[in-house]
Each structure stands twice: as C-alpha cells, then as structure tokens.
C-alpha cells in the first residue's frame, strides 16, 4: 500500500469511531501485518486521545474463533475510551459484543536493563490488578472478512474499556483458578476461567512485552494492560446492564443506551 492509502484508511476508521458509524473502507487492500499495524497507527493519530496502556484481544480459543484470529492481537488503549464502573454508554453501530477481562497496571517500565521477559519478572513489575469490561466492535460492515489484519487495523476492535476497582494484593489471588462471571440484566449468561487466557493471564502480558520489545519498545510505568475476555463475547443491547464479577476482584458494571 502507498502511504497516502494507509493515511486514508486510518482517517476513515478514526472518523467512524468518532461518530459511531460503519463504512466500507477497503481494508482488503492490506497485504501484510506490517500494513495493518501502519493503518492502526494512522487511525490512532487521527482519532486523538492519549495512550494509557494496551488492549490485548483473541487470547482464548473461544475469542480467537469469534474474532477470526489465529493468534492474539493488540492495540493502544486510549484515555478517551476508558470509563468508570456504574456508568452508562451509548452503543455505536458495529458492536460485536462485550466480555470480562483482567487488567494489570505497571509500577515501572518493563523490561529494563536486559531483564528477561517472563511471567515471574513481569509479576514483580505489576502494582495492581482489576476486573474490567471491554466492548468490542468494528468500523466496517460484516461483509468485510474479520481476520487478524482487519482486526488489528481497526483499533484492535476496541470500543470502550470499563474500569473496576484496583486490587493491590492481587498476588494473593490464584489467578490460574480465578473464574469470572458475566451477568446481563441480572442473569448469569457466561462464565470463564482466567487460565483460558494463553494458559495464564500473565502470559498475555509477556506476549505483549515481547511484541513491544521486538519493535524496540517497552511497557511504561502506569500502563494499563488488558488480557482479553475470558468469558467470550455477549451480545449487548440498549437498555441492558452488564455486570462482571470474580472472587477477589470486581464487581464492575456498565449500562447501555
């Protein structure tokens, strides 16, 4: 793709996200993962907002099937799309669904000084953990195949990120045995195990750290990193309230308009 084509796709995705619309934009023009990442960067710059972390998606077999991705994807998390629990959100067009995920907050840059990237070392760089709800969606119609490149370019499918309460003693939790549940208008519709996320949620953190390191980057102090839904994706509609719960974390909820 030519640079002006990348910029055109990025601006189109950003406009659709700003206005909650869905438009045919020609994402099928992308021929490589590098072009998909370049379109994502252009879309982020056109959309605005300050990066405050990263959203990792397609980290369980279920969500990989739902999102048409054979491996995880990620994109920057922007402060303009982070909201607190117990608030309301107007659903835009193109929503795929909502799920429950874990989110870790970094206490320091990672990795540093040649630090080996592993679940053990990254656990020592984390200051807190919380349960979150993430709404995923597309800015292009369903006629455009959903796959890794299309999902990556399209803001890694992020629509909105709902914060739960940070838990500082998260190390006391057995994350491998942690189960999250999702209630829609009071009825439990989905349960999921944190261990379904790449075998352990910290593996999503190490996967992201390796991806960033390969690009010459790193996680920064204060970054919020979400690990992808462990409850699949629930269809959500205006007038409904989604609540997520997990032992030792949460609850977190959002009402849809």
Protein backbone atom coordinates (compact mmCIF):
# COMPACT_ATOMS: atom_id res chain seq x y z
CA UNK A 1 0.00 0.00 0.00
CA UNK A 2 1.07 3.58 -0.65
CA UNK A 3 1.50 5.91 2.35
CA UNK A 4 -1.49 8.00 1.26
CA UNK A 5 -3.66 4.86 1.16
CA UNK A 6 -2.62 4.00 4.71
CA UNK A 7 -3.43 7.51 5.87
CA UNK A 8 -6.79 7.42 4.08
CA UNK A 9 -7.77 4.15 5.77
CA UNK A 10 -6.61 5.42 9.15
CA UNK A 11 -8.62 8.64 8.86
CA UNK A 12 -11.68 6.72 7.73
CA UNK A 13 -11.50 4.34 10.69
CA UNK A 14 -10.99 7.27 13.07
CA UNK A 15 -14.00 9.16 11.68
CA UNK A 16 -16.19 6.07 12.00
CA UNK A 17 -15.09 5.57 15.60
CA UNK A 18 -15.71 9.22 16.48
CA UNK A 19 -19.24 9.19 15.03
CA UNK A 20 -20.22 5.60 15.80
CA UNK A 21 -20.72 4.72 12.15
CA UNK A 22 -19.87 1.77 9.91
CA UNK A 23 -18.50 2.37 6.39
CA UNK A 24 -16.90 0.24 3.69
CA UNK A 25 -13.27 1.39 3.72
CA UNK A 26 -11.29 -1.14 1.70
CA UNK A 27 -9.39 -2.92 4.46
CA UNK A 28 -8.90 -5.75 1.98
CA UNK A 29 -6.17 -3.58 0.40
CA UNK A 30 -3.81 -4.54 3.23
CA UNK A 31 -1.36 -7.22 2.18
CA UNK A 32 0.76 -7.71 5.31
CA UNK A 33 0.70 -7.50 9.10
CA UNK A 34 3.02 -4.51 8.84
CA UNK A 35 0.49 -2.62 6.72
CA UNK A 36 -2.26 -3.46 9.22
CA UNK A 37 -0.13 -2.07 12.04
CA UNK A 38 0.61 1.06 10.00
CA UNK A 39 -3.11 1.61 9.40
CA UNK A 40 -3.75 1.18 13.13
CA UNK A 41 -1.10 3.80 13.92
CA UNK A 42 -2.61 6.23 11.40
CA UNK A 43 -6.09 5.62 12.84
CA UNK A 44 -4.89 6.25 16.40
CA UNK A 45 -3.20 9.50 15.42
CA UNK A 46 -6.30 10.72 13.57
CA UNK A 47 -8.64 9.68 16.38
CA UNK A 48 -6.83 11.53 19.17
CA UNK A 49 -6.53 10.88 22.88
CA UNK A 50 -3.52 9.88 24.94
CA UNK A 51 -2.32 6.27 25.14
CA UNK A 52 -2.69 4.86 28.66
CA UNK A 53 -1.80 1.23 28.00
CA UNK A 54 -2.70 -1.62 25.70
CA UNK A 55 -5.63 -3.86 24.91
CA UNK A 56 -4.79 -7.47 24.02
CA UNK A 57 -7.52 -9.49 22.32
CA UNK A 58 -8.08 -13.01 20.92
CA UNK A 59 -6.29 -14.69 23.81
CA UNK A 60 -8.59 -17.68 24.30
CA UNK A 61 -9.64 -20.37 21.81
CA UNK A 62 -13.23 -19.09 22.00
CA UNK A 63 -12.45 -15.44 21.28
CA UNK A 64 -9.99 -16.41 18.54
CA UNK A 65 -12.82 -18.23 16.77
CA UNK A 66 -15.25 -15.35 17.33
CA UNK A 67 -12.78 -12.75 16.06
CA UNK A 68 -11.32 -14.75 13.20
CA UNK A 69 -7.81 -14.51 14.65
CA UNK A 70 -5.48 -17.48 14.96
CA UNK A 71 -3.24 -15.59 17.42
CA UNK A 72 -3.57 -12.62 19.79
CA UNK A 73 -3.71 -9.05 18.54
CA UNK A 74 -3.20 -5.77 20.38
CA UNK A 75 -3.61 -2.04 20.12
CA UNK A 76 -3.02 1.03 22.30
CA UNK A 77 -5.65 1.80 24.92
CA UNK A 78 -6.66 5.47 24.78
CA UNK A 79 -7.76 7.53 27.78
CA UNK A 80 -10.78 8.94 25.94
CA UNK A 81 -12.29 5.46 25.77
CA UNK A 82 -11.76 4.46 29.41
CA UNK A 83 -14.77 4.92 31.69
CA UNK A 84 -15.51 4.08 35.30
CA UNK A 85 -17.80 1.34 36.55
CA UNK A 86 -21.51 2.02 37.16
CA UNK A 87 -21.81 4.49 34.31
CA UNK A 88 -23.74 4.37 31.03
CA UNK A 89 -22.53 4.15 27.45
CA UNK A 90 -24.31 4.72 24.16
CA UNK A 91 -23.70 1.77 21.86
CA UNK A 92 -22.41 2.69 18.39
CA UNK A 93 -23.05 0.70 15.23
CA UNK A 94 -20.86 -2.33 14.59
CA UNK A 95 -20.65 -3.68 18.15
CA UNK A 96 -19.56 -7.33 18.24
CA UNK A 97 -20.16 -7.89 21.94
CA UNK A 98 -18.78 -7.38 25.43
CA UNK A 99 -16.67 -9.56 27.70
CA UNK A 100 -14.89 -9.66 31.04
CA UNK A 101 -11.12 -9.41 31.27
CA UNK A 102 -8.32 -8.82 33.73
CA UNK A 103 -6.30 -5.62 33.64
CA UNK A 104 -2.84 -5.14 35.13
CA UNK A 105 -1.23 -1.79 35.98
CA UNK A 106 2.54 -1.44 35.71
CA UNK A 107 4.51 0.05 38.58
CA UNK A 108 7.63 0.63 36.48
CA UNK A 109 8.94 0.32 32.94
CA UNK A 110 9.27 -3.26 31.74
CA UNK A 111 11.59 -4.83 30.73
CA UNK A 112 14.61 -2.82 31.82
CA UNK A 113 18.38 -3.37 31.80
CA UNK A 114 18.26 -6.58 29.82
CA UNK A 115 15.58 -8.07 32.07
CA UNK A 116 14.37 -11.46 30.87
CA UNK A 117 10.73 -11.37 29.83
CA UNK A 118 8.80 -13.97 31.80
CA UNK A 119 5.68 -14.33 33.93
CA UNK A 120 7.88 -14.22 37.04
CA UNK A 121 9.70 -10.99 36.20
CA UNK A 122 6.63 -9.16 34.91
CA UNK A 123 4.69 -10.06 38.06
CA UNK A 124 7.23 -8.04 40.04
CA UNK A 125 6.58 -5.01 37.81
CA UNK A 126 2.81 -5.01 38.40
CA UNK A 127 1.31 -2.79 41.08
CA UNK A 128 -2.36 -3.83 40.87
CA UNK A 129 -4.95 -5.87 39.04
CA UNK A 130 -8.63 -5.26 38.39
CA UNK A 131 -11.59 -6.76 36.60
CA UNK A 132 -12.75 -4.85 33.53
CA UNK A 133 -15.46 -4.99 30.89
CA UNK A 134 -14.48 -4.39 27.29
CA UNK A 135 -16.88 -3.73 24.43
CA UNK A 136 -15.54 -4.74 21.03
CA UNK A 137 -16.75 -3.63 17.64
CA UNK A 138 -15.94 -2.87 14.03
CA UNK A 139 -15.94 0.27 11.93
CA UNK A 140 -16.60 -1.68 8.71
CA UNK A 141 -19.60 -3.83 7.69
CA UNK A 142 -19.86 -7.55 8.24
CA UNK A 143 -19.31 -8.16 4.54
CA UNK A 144 -15.62 -7.36 5.16
CA UNK A 145 -13.95 -10.58 6.43
CA UNK A 146 -12.92 -10.40 10.08
CA UNK A 147 -9.35 -11.62 10.45
CA UNK A 148 -6.12 -10.69 12.17
CA UNK A 149 -5.17 -7.88 9.82
CA UNK A 150 -8.62 -6.32 9.66
CA UNK A 151 -8.97 -6.54 13.46
CA UNK A 152 -5.52 -5.08 14.08
CA UNK A 153 -6.02 -2.14 11.76
CA UNK A 154 -9.48 -1.41 13.20
CA UNK A 155 -8.19 -0.27 16.61
CA UNK A 156 -7.77 -3.95 17.61
CA UNK A 157 -11.60 -3.85 17.76
CA UNK A 158 -11.68 -1.72 20.92
CA UNK A 159 -14.83 0.34 21.53
CA UNK A 160 -14.81 1.11 25.25
CA UNK A 161 -12.98 -0.09 28.38
CA UNK A 162 -14.75 -0.08 31.76
CA UNK A 163 -12.57 0.03 34.90
CA UNK A 164 -13.21 -2.00 38.02
CA UNK A 165 -11.59 -1.32 41.39
CA UNK A 166 -7.79 -1.84 41.54
CA UNK A 167 -6.65 -4.60 43.91
CA UNK A 168 -3.11 -4.15 45.23
CA UNK A 169 -2.83 -7.56 46.91
CA UNK A 170 -3.52 -9.34 43.63
CA UNK A 171 -0.54 -11.66 44.22
CA UNK A 172 -2.60 -13.34 46.94
CA UNK A 173 -5.10 -14.47 44.30
CA UNK A 174 -4.67 -17.75 42.46
CA UNK A 175 -5.20 -16.31 39.00
CA UNK A 176 -4.95 -19.74 37.42
CA UNK A 177 -8.11 -20.77 39.27
CA UNK A 178 -9.92 -17.46 39.10
CA UNK A 179 -13.36 -17.63 37.49
CA UNK A 180 -15.20 -14.62 36.13
CA UNK A 181 -18.92 -14.44 35.51
CA UNK A 182 -20.92 -12.08 33.34
CA UNK A 183 -24.48 -11.07 34.24
CA UNK A 184 -26.69 -9.38 31.71
CA UNK A 185 -29.62 -7.60 33.32
CA UNK A 186 -29.16 -9.77 36.42
CA UNK A 187 -28.91 -13.17 34.71
CA UNK A 188 -25.61 -15.06 34.55
CA UNK A 189 -25.02 -15.75 30.86
CA UNK A 190 -21.31 -16.60 30.77
CA UNK A 191 -18.52 -17.93 32.97
CA UNK A 192 -14.86 -18.12 32.12
CA UNK A 193 -11.56 -19.12 33.68
CA UNK A 194 -8.59 -16.76 33.73
CA UNK A 195 -6.38 -19.73 32.85
CA UNK A 196 -8.07 -19.88 29.44
CA UNK A 197 -6.09 -16.75 28.56
CA UNK A 198 -2.99 -18.30 26.97
CA UNK A 199 -2.77 -20.76 29.87
CA UNK A 200 -2.44 -17.96 32.48
CA UNK A 201 -3.32 -14.24 32.25
CA UNK A 202 0.29 -13.21 32.88
CA UNK A 203 1.19 -14.95 29.64
CA UNK A 204 -0.79 -12.27 27.80
CA UNK A 205 1.44 -9.71 29.49
CA UNK A 206 4.64 -11.47 28.47
CA UNK A 207 3.32 -11.93 24.91
CA UNK A 208 2.73 -8.19 24.65
CA UNK A 209 6.09 -7.32 26.24
CA UNK A 210 7.88 -9.48 23.67
CA UNK A 211 5.96 -7.89 20.81
CA UNK A 212 6.86 -4.39 22.01
CA UNK A 213 10.47 -5.36 22.67
CA UNK A 214 10.80 -6.69 19.12
CA UNK A 215 9.84 -3.20 17.95
CA UNK A 216 12.31 -1.53 20.29
CA UNK A 217 9.63 -0.53 22.81
CA UNK A 218 8.61 -1.43 26.33
CA UNK A 219 5.76 -1.11 28.78
CA UNK A 220 5.79 2.12 30.79
CA UNK A 221 5.03 2.85 34.43
CA UNK A 222 1.30 3.41 34.81
CA UNK A 223 0.37 1.45 31.70
CA UNK A 224 -2.89 -0.49 31.93
CA UNK A 225 -2.79 -3.78 30.04
CA UNK A 226 -5.89 -5.89 29.50
CA UNK A 227 -5.57 -9.60 28.79
CA UNK A 228 -8.60 -10.26 26.57
CA UNK A 229 -12.00 -11.62 27.51
CA UNK A 230 -12.17 -14.92 29.37
CA UNK A 231 -15.98 -15.04 29.12
CA UNK A 232 -16.33 -14.83 25.37
CA UNK A 233 -18.43 -12.04 23.88
CA UNK A 234 -22.01 -11.38 24.91
CA UNK A 235 -24.38 -9.58 22.60
CA UNK A 236 -25.44 -6.36 24.32
CA UNK A 237 -28.36 -4.06 23.52
CA UNK A 238 -29.61 -0.65 24.64
CA UNK A 239 -31.46 -0.86 27.95
CA UNK A 240 -29.32 -3.70 29.30
CA UNK A 241 -26.77 -3.66 32.14
CA UNK A 242 -23.70 -5.89 32.08
CA UNK A 243 -22.00 -6.78 35.36
CA UNK A 244 -18.82 -8.79 35.78
CA UNK A 245 -17.70 -10.50 38.98
CA UNK A 246 -14.73 -12.56 40.10
CA UNK A 247 -13.63 -13.72 43.53
CA UNK A 248 -11.26 -11.14 44.99
CA UNK A 249 -11.92 -8.69 42.14
CA UNK A 250 -14.82 -6.56 40.98
CA UNK A 251 -17.66 -6.17 40.56
CA UNK A 252 -17.69 -3.88 37.55
CA UNK A 253 -20.74 -2.85 35.54
CA UNK A 254 -21.93 -0.72 32.66
CA UNK A 255 -25.39 0.20 31.40
CA UNK A 256 -26.04 0.53 27.68
CA UNK A 257 -28.08 3.19 25.94
